[in-house]
Amino acid sequence: MFHSRTISATEFKAKCLDILDRLATSELDEVIITKRGKTVAVLTPPKTEAEAVKSLHGFMRGSVVIPDGVDLTAPVSDDFDAGNGLLHG
């Protein structure tokens, strides 16, 4: 179950260490801090290392489209001759 709490900046200032401890122990999943009724910050515990890696791996999946008929393994040019120092066609 997701546990969120909204508090004023004044209350956060007074209870900061307790709130951070509650986030660290997963008693709270999110703390929304407001000032004059407007959200000024949202606190969440840091991701575990596994969660961080999972969110990075494949994050661009689906963002590239390869048109039909394009062979990505085919040579792009015959003008390269690295053995003779020619690296650009």
PDB file of N, CA and C in Angstrom:
ATOM      1  N   MET A   1       0.840  -1.178   0.000  1.00  0.00           N
ATOM      2  CA  MET A   1       0.000   0.000   0.000  1.00  0.00           C
ATOM      3  C   MET A   1       0.885   1.242   0.000  1.00  0.00           C
ATOM      4  N   PHE A   2       0.520   2.226  -0.774  1.00  0.00           N
ATOM      5  CA  PHE A   2       1.282   3.462  -0.907  1.00  0.00           C
ATOM      6  C   PHE A   2       0.924   4.402   0.234  1.00  0.00           C
ATOM      7  N   HIS A   3       1.940   4.885   0.954  1.00  0.00           N
ATOM      8  CA  HIS A   3       1.716   5.786   2.081  1.00  0.00           C
ATOM      9  C   HIS A   3       2.292   7.157   1.759  1.00  0.00           C
ATOM     10  N   SER A   4       1.413   8.126   1.605  1.00  0.00           N
ATOM     11  CA  SER A   4       1.824   9.486   1.299  1.00  0.00           C
ATOM     12  C   SER A   4       1.340  10.411   2.412  1.00  0.00           C
ATOM     13  N   ARG A   5       2.087  11.468   2.620  1.00  0.00           N
ATOM     14  CA  ARG A   5       1.705  12.431   3.652  1.00  0.00           C
ATOM     15  C   ARG A   5       2.019  13.827   3.130  1.00  0.00           C
ATOM     16  N   THR A   6       1.116  14.751   3.342  1.00  0.00           N
ATOM     17  CA  THR A   6       1.313  16.148   2.963  1.00  0.00           C
ATOM     18  C   THR A   6       1.478  16.962   4.241  1.00  0.00           C
ATOM     19  N   ILE A   7       2.552  17.755   4.278  1.00  0.00           N
ATOM     20  CA  ILE A   7       2.812  18.580   5.462  1.00  0.00           C
ATOM     21  C   ILE A   7       3.280  19.963   5.027  1.00  0.00           C
ATOM     22  N   SER A   8       3.152  20.906   5.936  1.00  0.00           N
ATOM     23  CA  SER A   8       3.628  22.267   5.662  1.00  0.00           C
ATOM     24  C   SER A   8       5.146  22.317   5.846  1.00  0.00           C
ATOM     25  N   ALA A   9       5.753  23.315   5.255  1.00  0.00           N
ATOM     26  CA  ALA A   9       7.198  23.485   5.397  1.00  0.00           C
ATOM     27  C   ALA A   9       7.565  23.710   6.859  1.00  0.00           C
ATOM     28  N   THR A  10       6.712  24.394   7.597  1.00  0.00           N
ATOM     29  CA  THR A  10       6.960  24.635   9.027  1.00  0.00           C
ATOM     30  C   THR A  10       6.982  23.323   9.796  1.00  0.00           C
ATOM     31  N   GLU A  11       5.995  22.456   9.526  1.00  0.00           N
ATOM     32  CA  GLU A  11       5.958  21.162  10.201  1.00  0.00           C
ATOM     33  C   GLU A  11       7.154  20.310   9.795  1.00  0.00           C
ATOM     34  N   PHE A  12       7.525  20.356   8.502  1.00  0.00           N
ATOM     35  CA  PHE A  12       8.691  19.590   8.048  1.00  0.00           C
ATOM     36  C   PHE A  12       9.952  20.048   8.784  1.00  0.00           C
ATOM     37  N   LYS A  13      10.097  21.348   8.924  1.00  0.00           N
ATOM     38  CA  LYS A  13      11.265  21.883   9.618  1.00  0.00           C
ATOM     39  C   LYS A  13      11.344  21.351  11.050  1.00  0.00           C
ATOM     40  N   ALA A  14      10.210  21.261  11.704  1.00  0.00           N
ATOM     41  CA  ALA A  14      10.179  20.796  13.100  1.00  0.00           C
ATOM     42  C   ALA A  14      10.369  19.288  13.219  1.00  0.00           C
ATOM     43  N   LYS A  15       9.962  18.530  12.214  1.00  0.00           N
ATOM     44  CA  LYS A  15       9.973  17.068  12.304  1.00  0.00           C
ATOM     45  C   LYS A  15      10.852  16.411  11.245  1.00  0.00           C
ATOM     46  N   CYS A  16      11.768  17.140  10.695  1.00  0.00           N
ATOM     47  CA  CYS A  16      12.593  16.674   9.575  1.00  0.00           C
ATOM     48  C   CYS A  16      13.243  15.308   9.815  1.00  0.00           C
ATOM     49  N   LEU A  17      13.953  15.137  10.900  1.00  0.00           N
ATOM     50  CA  LEU A  17      14.673  13.884  11.145  1.00  0.00           C
ATOM     51  C   LEU A  17      13.731  12.702  11.287  1.00  0.00           C
ATOM     52  N   ASP A  18      12.602  12.903  11.976  1.00  0.00           N
ATOM     53  CA  ASP A  18      11.620  11.833  12.115  1.00  0.00           C
ATOM     54  C   ASP A  18      11.043  11.448  10.750  1.00  0.00           C
ATOM     55  N   ILE A  19      10.739  12.433   9.937  1.00  0.00           N
ATOM     56  CA  ILE A  19      10.176  12.163   8.603  1.00  0.00           C
ATOM     57  C   ILE A  19      11.187  11.417   7.742  1.00  0.00           C
ATOM     58  N   LEU A  20      12.442  11.820   7.781  1.00  0.00           N
ATOM     59  CA  LEU A  20      13.478  11.129   7.006  1.00  0.00           C
ATOM     60  C   LEU A  20      13.637   9.678   7.472  1.00  0.00           C
ATOM     61  N   ASP A  21      13.565   9.461   8.777  1.00  0.00           N
ATOM     62  CA  ASP A  21      13.638   8.087   9.305  1.00  0.00           C
ATOM     63  C   ASP A  21      12.455   7.254   8.812  1.00  0.00           C
ATOM     64  N   ARG A  22      11.264   7.848   8.785  1.00  0.00           N
ATOM     65  CA  ARG A  22      10.080   7.124   8.323  1.00  0.00           C
ATOM     66  C   ARG A  22      10.167   6.797   6.832  1.00  0.00           C
ATOM     67  N   LEU A  23      10.780   7.667   6.058  1.00  0.00           N
ATOM     68  CA  LEU A  23      11.013   7.371   4.636  1.00  0.00           C
ATOM     69  C   LEU A  23      12.025   6.235   4.494  1.00  0.00           C
ATOM     70  N   ALA A  24      13.079   6.280   5.298  1.00  0.00           N
ATOM     71  CA  ALA A  24      14.143   5.275   5.215  1.00  0.00           C
ATOM     72  C   ALA A  24      13.651   3.878   5.574  1.00  0.00           C
ATOM     73  N   THR A  25      12.682   3.797   6.480  1.00  0.00           N
ATOM     74  CA  THR A  25      12.166   2.486   6.898  1.00  0.00           C
ATOM     75  C   THR A  25      10.935   2.071   6.092  1.00  0.00           C
ATOM     76  N   SER A  26      10.600   2.814   5.067  1.00  0.00           N
ATOM     77  CA  SER A  26       9.448   2.554   4.189  1.00  0.00           C
ATOM     78  C   SER A  26       8.108   2.670   4.898  1.00  0.00           C
ATOM     79  N   GLU A  27       8.088   3.348   6.035  1.00  0.00           N
ATOM     80  CA  GLU A  27       6.813   3.632   6.699  1.00  0.00           C
ATOM     81  C   GLU A  27       6.037   4.652   5.859  1.00  0.00           C
ATOM     82  N   LEU A  28       6.780   5.532   5.192  1.00  0.00           N
ATOM     83  CA  LEU A  28       6.213   6.480   4.239  1.00  0.00           C
ATOM     84  C   LEU A  28       6.875   6.262   2.887  1.00  0.00           C
ATOM     85  N   ASP A  29       6.090   6.375   1.827  1.00  0.00           N
ATOM     86  CA  ASP A  29       6.624   6.253   0.470  1.00  0.00           C
ATOM     87  C   ASP A  29       6.858   7.615  -0.163  1.00  0.00           C
ATOM     88  N   GLU A  30       6.181   8.634   0.374  1.00  0.00           N
ATOM     89  CA  GLU A  30       6.275   9.963  -0.217  1.00  0.00           C
ATOM     90  C   GLU A  30       5.837  10.990   0.811  1.00  0.00           C
ATOM     91  N   VAL A  31       6.527  12.119   0.831  1.00  0.00           N
ATOM     92  CA  VAL A  31       6.132  13.243   1.676  1.00  0.00           C
ATOM     93  C   VAL A  31       6.059  14.471   0.781  1.00  0.00           C
ATOM     94  N   ILE A  32       4.890  15.093   0.760  1.00  0.00           N
ATOM     95  CA  ILE A  32       4.689  16.302  -0.033  1.00  0.00           C
ATOM     96  C   ILE A  32       4.769  17.481   0.918  1.00  0.00           C
ATOM     97  N   ILE A  33       5.665  18.405   0.622  1.00  0.00           N
ATOM     98  CA  ILE A  33       5.871  19.574   1.481  1.00  0.00           C
ATOM     99  C   ILE A  33       5.246  20.781   0.792  1.00  0.00           C
ATOM    100  N   THR A  34       4.415  21.498   1.549  1.00  0.00           N
ATOM    101  CA  THR A  34       3.741  22.662   0.983  1.00  0.00           C
ATOM    102  C   THR A  34       4.150  23.937   1.709  1.00  0.00           C
ATOM    103  N   LYS A  35       4.018  25.021   0.994  1.00  0.00           N
ATOM    104  CA  LYS A  35       4.266  26.341   1.564  1.00  0.00           C
ATOM    105  C   LYS A  35       3.139  27.231   1.061  1.00  0.00           C
ATOM    106  N   ARG A  36       2.372  27.750   1.982  1.00  0.00           N
ATOM    107  CA  ARG A  36       1.189  28.556   1.652  1.00  0.00           C
ATOM    108  C   ARG A  36       0.236  27.798   0.727  1.00  0.00           C
ATOM    109  N   GLY A  37       0.114  26.495   0.980  1.00  0.00           N
ATOM    110  CA  GLY A  37      -0.833  25.679   0.235  1.00  0.00           C
ATOM    111  C   GLY A  37      -0.341  25.154  -1.104  1.00  0.00           C
ATOM    112  N   LYS A  38       0.855  25.546  -1.521  1.00  0.00           N
ATOM    113  CA  LYS A  38       1.397  25.086  -2.796  1.00  0.00           C
ATOM    114  C   LYS A  38       2.534  24.100  -2.554  1.00  0.00           C
ATOM    115  N   THR A  39       2.575  23.052  -3.360  1.00  0.00           N
ATOM    116  CA  THR A  39       3.645  22.060  -3.245  1.00  0.00           C
ATOM    117  C   THR A  39       4.977  22.694  -3.625  1.00  0.00           C
ATOM    118  N   VAL A  40       5.962  22.546  -2.730  1.00  0.00           N
ATOM    119  CA  VAL A  40       7.304  23.075  -3.007  1.00  0.00           C
ATOM    120  C   VAL A  40       8.338  21.960  -3.107  1.00  0.00           C
ATOM    121  N   ALA A  41       7.997  20.768  -2.605  1.00  0.00           N
ATOM    122  CA  ALA A  41       8.940  19.647  -2.670  1.00  0.00           C
ATOM    123  C   ALA A  41       8.185  18.343  -2.476  1.00  0.00           C
ATOM    124  N   VAL A  42       8.761  17.290  -3.054  1.00  0.00           N
ATOM    125  CA  VAL A  42       8.249  15.945  -2.861  1.00  0.00           C
ATOM    126  C   VAL A  42       9.434  15.073  -2.482  1.00  0.00           C
ATOM    127  N   LEU A  43       9.369  14.459  -1.318  1.00  0.00           N
ATOM    128  CA  LEU A  43      10.445  13.592  -0.846  1.00  0.00           C
ATOM    129  C   LEU A  43      10.061  12.137  -1.047  1.00  0.00           C
ATOM    130  N   THR A  44      10.985  11.375  -1.596  1.00  0.00           N
ATOM    131  CA  THR A  44      10.810   9.934  -1.744  1.00  0.00           C
ATOM    132  C   THR A  44      12.119   9.275  -1.366  1.00  0.00           C
ATOM    133  N   PRO A  45      12.073   8.032  -0.903  1.00  0.00           N
ATOM    134  CA  PRO A  45      13.332   7.352  -0.603  1.00  0.00           C
ATOM    135  C   PRO A  45      14.083   7.073  -1.908  1.00  0.00           C
ATOM    136  N   PRO A  46      15.403   6.965  -1.841  1.00  0.00           N
ATOM    137  CA  PRO A  46      16.154   6.670  -3.064  1.00  0.00           C
ATOM    138  C   PRO A  46      15.850   5.268  -3.561  1.00  0.00           C
ATOM    139  N   LYS A  47      16.002   5.068  -4.860  1.00  0.00           N
ATOM    140  CA  LYS A  47      15.809   3.739  -5.439  1.00  0.00           C
ATOM    141  C   LYS A  47      16.927   2.821  -4.965  1.00  0.00           C
ATOM    142  N   THR A  48      16.606   1.544  -4.879  1.00  0.00           N
ATOM    143  CA  THR A  48      17.669   0.579  -4.596  1.00  0.00           C
ATOM    144  C   THR A  48      18.563   0.515  -5.825  1.00  0.00           C
ATOM    145  N   GLU A  49      19.732  -0.068  -5.682  1.00  0.00           N
ATOM    146  CA  GLU A  49      20.645  -0.178  -6.819  1.00  0.00           C
ATOM    147  C   GLU A  49      19.988  -0.960  -7.951  1.00  0.00           C
ATOM    148  N   ALA A  50      19.280  -2.027  -7.615  1.00  0.00           N
ATOM    149  CA  ALA A  50      18.608  -2.846  -8.636  1.00  0.00           C
ATOM    150  C   ALA A  50      17.534  -2.038  -9.362  1.00  0.00           C
ATOM    151  N   GLU A  51      16.769  -1.237  -8.627  1.00  0.00           N
ATOM    152  CA  GLU A  51      15.737  -0.406  -9.251  1.00  0.00           C
ATOM    153  C   GLU A  51      16.353   0.652 -10.160  1.00  0.00           C
ATOM    154  N   ALA A  52      17.470   1.235  -9.723  1.00  0.00           N
ATOM    155  CA  ALA A  52      18.139   2.252 -10.529  1.00  0.00           C
ATOM    156  C   ALA A  52      18.658   1.662 -11.836  1.00  0.00           C
ATOM    157  N   VAL A  53      19.267   0.486 -11.761  1.00  0.00           N
ATOM    158  CA  VAL A  53      19.782  -0.170 -12.966  1.00  0.00           C
ATOM    159  C   VAL A  53      18.632  -0.540 -13.892  1.00  0.00           C
ATOM    160  N   LYS A  54      17.563  -1.073 -13.334  1.00  0.00           N
ATOM    161  CA  LYS A  54      16.415  -1.477 -14.147  1.00  0.00           C
ATOM    162  C   LYS A  54      15.803  -0.283 -14.878  1.00  0.00           C
ATOM    163  N   SER A  55      15.750   0.867 -14.222  1.00  0.00           N
ATOM    164  CA  SER A  55      15.156   2.043 -14.863  1.00  0.00           C
ATOM    165  C   SER A  55      16.056   2.605 -15.961  1.00  0.00           C
ATOM    166  N   LEU A  56      17.361   2.375 -15.879  1.00  0.00           N
ATOM    167  CA  LEU A  56      18.279   2.850 -16.921  1.00  0.00           C
ATOM    168  C   LEU A  56      18.336   1.906 -18.110  1.00  0.00           C
ATOM    169  N   HIS A  57      18.360   0.620 -17.849  1.00  0.00           N
ATOM    170  CA  HIS A  57      18.497  -0.370 -18.915  1.00  0.00           C
ATOM    171  C   HIS A  57      17.239  -0.381 -19.773  1.00  0.00           C
ATOM    172  N   GLY A  58      17.407  -0.061 -21.028  1.00  0.00           N
ATOM    173  CA  GLY A  58      16.297  -0.098 -21.967  1.00  0.00           C
ATOM    174  C   GLY A  58      15.354   1.082 -21.883  1.00  0.00           C
ATOM    175  N   PHE A  59      15.781   2.190 -21.262  1.00  0.00           N
ATOM    176  CA  PHE A  59      14.864   3.309 -21.097  1.00  0.00           C
ATOM    177  C   PHE A  59      14.472   3.965 -22.422  1.00  0.00           C
ATOM    178  N   MET A  60      15.249   3.722 -23.489  1.00  0.00           N
ATOM    179  CA  MET A  60      14.896   4.288 -24.794  1.00  0.00           C
ATOM    180  C   MET A  60      14.221   3.263 -25.700  1.00  0.00           C
ATOM    181  N   ARG A  61      13.917   2.095 -25.148  1.00  0.00           N
ATOM    182  CA  ARG A  61      13.280   1.041 -25.937  1.00  0.00           C
ATOM    183  C   ARG A  61      12.025   1.585 -26.613  1.00  0.00           C
ATOM    184  N   GLY A  62      11.925   1.326 -27.919  1.00  0.00           N
ATOM    185  CA  GLY A  62      10.759   1.758 -28.672  1.00  0.00           C
ATOM    186  C   GLY A  62      10.869   3.156 -29.252  1.00  0.00           C
ATOM    187  N   SER A  63      11.966   3.859 -28.987  1.00  0.00           N
ATOM    188  CA  SER A  63      12.089   5.230 -29.475  1.00  0.00           C
ATOM    189  C   SER A  63      12.757   5.319 -30.847  1.00  0.00           C
ATOM    190  N   VAL A  64      13.286   4.216 -31.354  1.00  0.00           N
ATOM    191  CA  VAL A  64      13.944   4.202 -32.660  1.00  0.00           C
ATOM    192  C   VAL A  64      13.170   3.279 -33.586  1.00  0.00           C
ATOM    193  N   VAL A  65      12.904   3.751 -34.779  1.00  0.00           N
ATOM    194  CA  VAL A  65      12.180   2.951 -35.770  1.00  0.00           C
ATOM    195  C   VAL A  65      13.106   2.704 -36.949  1.00  0.00           C
ATOM    196  N   ILE A  66      13.268   1.443 -37.312  1.00  0.00           N
ATOM    197  CA  ILE A  66      14.086   1.079 -38.471  1.00  0.00           C
ATOM    198  C   ILE A  66      13.132   0.751 -39.616  1.00  0.00           C
ATOM    199  N   PRO A  67      13.206   1.523 -40.697  1.00  0.00           N
ATOM    200  CA  PRO A  67      12.283   1.294 -41.813  1.00  0.00           C
ATOM    201  C   PRO A  67      12.458  -0.099 -42.412  1.00  0.00           C
ATOM    202  N   ASP A  68      11.372  -0.645 -42.935  1.00  0.00           N
ATOM    203  CA  ASP A  68      11.436  -1.931 -43.623  1.00  0.00           C
ATOM    204  C   ASP A  68      12.443  -1.855 -44.756  1.00  0.00           C
ATOM    205  N   GLY A  69      13.172  -2.914 -44.947  1.00  0.00           N
ATOM    206  CA  GLY A  69      14.141  -2.994 -46.041  1.00  0.00           C
ATOM    207  C   GLY A  69      15.526  -2.482 -45.696  1.00  0.00           C
ATOM    208  N   VAL A  70      15.698  -1.882 -44.532  1.00  0.00           N
ATOM    209  CA  VAL A  70      17.019  -1.390 -44.126  1.00  0.00           C
ATOM    210  C   VAL A  70      17.764  -2.523 -43.442  1.00  0.00           C
ATOM    211  N   ASP A  71      18.977  -2.819 -43.937  1.00  0.00           N
ATOM    212  CA  ASP A  71      19.812  -3.872 -43.360  1.00  0.00           C
ATOM    213  C   ASP A  71      20.928  -3.210 -42.567  1.00  0.00           C
ATOM    214  N   LEU A  72      20.824  -3.261 -41.255  1.00  0.00           N
ATOM    215  CA  LEU A  72      21.816  -2.592 -40.404  1.00  0.00           C
ATOM    216  C   LEU A  72      23.168  -3.304 -40.403  1.00  0.00           C
ATOM    217  N   THR A  73      23.230  -4.522 -40.954  1.00  0.00           N
ATOM    218  CA  THR A  73      24.490  -5.253 -40.989  1.00  0.00           C
ATOM    219  C   THR A  73      25.218  -5.077 -42.315  1.00  0.00           C
ATOM    220  N   ALA A  74      24.577  -4.440 -43.278  1.00  0.00           N
ATOM    221  CA  ALA A  74      25.194  -4.246 -44.596  1.00  0.00           C
ATOM    222  C   ALA A  74      26.248  -3.140 -44.520  1.00  0.00           C
ATOM    223  N   PRO A  75      27.338  -3.267 -45.285  1.00  0.00           N
ATOM    224  CA  PRO A  75      28.350  -2.201 -45.314  1.00  0.00           C
ATOM    225  C   PRO A  75      27.730  -0.894 -45.791  1.00  0.00           C
ATOM    226  N   VAL A  76      28.208   0.203 -45.235  1.00  0.00           N
ATOM    227  CA  VAL A  76      27.668   1.508 -45.623  1.00  0.00           C
ATOM    228  C   VAL A  76      28.483   2.162 -46.730  1.00  0.00           C
ATOM    229  N   SER A  77      29.707   1.698 -46.927  1.00  0.00           N
ATOM    230  CA  SER A  77      30.560   2.283 -47.957  1.00  0.00           C
ATOM    231  C   SER A  77      31.676   1.311 -48.310  1.00  0.00           C
ATOM    232  N   ASP A  78      32.132   1.384 -49.542  1.00  0.00           N
ATOM    233  CA  ASP A  78      33.276   0.593 -49.988  1.00  0.00           C
ATOM    234  C   ASP A  78      34.552   1.427 -49.969  1.00  0.00           C
ATOM    235  N   ASP A  79      34.463   2.701 -49.556  1.00  0.00           N
ATOM    236  CA  ASP A  79      35.586   3.628 -49.628  1.00  0.00           C
ATOM    237  C   ASP A  79      36.535   3.549 -48.438  1.00  0.00           C
ATOM    238  N   PHE A  80      36.265   2.706 -47.462  1.00  0.00           N
ATOM    239  CA  PHE A  80      37.119   2.643 -46.283  1.00  0.00           C
ATOM    240  C   PHE A  80      38.281   1.684 -46.523  1.00  0.00           C
ATOM    241  N   ASP A  81      39.459   2.108 -46.137  1.00  0.00           N
ATOM    242  CA  ASP A  81      40.645   1.280 -46.286  1.00  0.00           C
ATOM    243  C   ASP A  81      41.555   1.568 -45.085  1.00  0.00           C
ATOM    244  N   ALA A  82      41.150   1.064 -43.931  1.00  0.00           N
ATOM    245  CA  ALA A  82      41.868   1.352 -42.696  1.00  0.00           C
ATOM    246  C   ALA A  82      43.314   0.866 -42.743  1.00  0.00           C
ATOM    247  N   GLY A  83      43.570  -0.213 -43.487  1.00  0.00           N
ATOM    248  CA  GLY A  83      44.936  -0.727 -43.581  1.00  0.00           C
ATOM    249  C   GLY A  83      45.894   0.260 -44.227  1.00  0.00           C
ATOM    250  N   ASN A  84      45.370   1.144 -45.083  1.00  0.00           N
ATOM    251  CA  ASN A  84      46.194   2.154 -45.751  1.00  0.00           C
ATOM    252  C   ASN A  84      45.972   3.545 -45.162  1.00  0.00           C
ATOM    253  N   GLY A  85      45.349   3.615 -43.994  1.00  0.00           N
ATOM    254  CA  GLY A  85      45.174   4.896 -43.322  1.00  0.00           C
ATOM    255  C   GLY A  85      43.970   5.683 -43.762  1.00  0.00           C
ATOM    256  N   LEU A  86      43.154   5.143 -44.666  1.00  0.00           N
ATOM    257  CA  LEU A  86      41.960   5.857 -45.119  1.00  0.00           C
ATOM    258  C   LEU A  86      40.785   5.423 -44.246  1.00  0.00           C
ATOM    259  N   LEU A  87      40.352   6.300 -43.335  1.00  0.00           N
ATOM    260  CA  LEU A  87      39.303   5.940 -42.398  1.00  0.00           C
ATOM    261  C   LEU A  87      37.978   6.574 -42.775  1.00  0.00           C
ATOM    262  N   HIS A  88      37.987   7.584 -43.618  1.00  0.00           N
ATOM    263  CA  HIS A  88      36.755   8.279 -44.011  1.00  0.00           C
ATOM    264  C   HIS A  88      36.674   8.265 -45.522  1.00  0.00           C
ATOM    265  N   GLY A  89      35.491   7.978 -46.007  1.00  0.00           N
ATOM    266  CA  GLY A  89      35.278   7.931 -47.446  1.00  0.00           C
ATOM    267  C   GLY A  89      35.101   9.276 -48.064  1.00  0.00           C
TER     268      GLY A  89
END
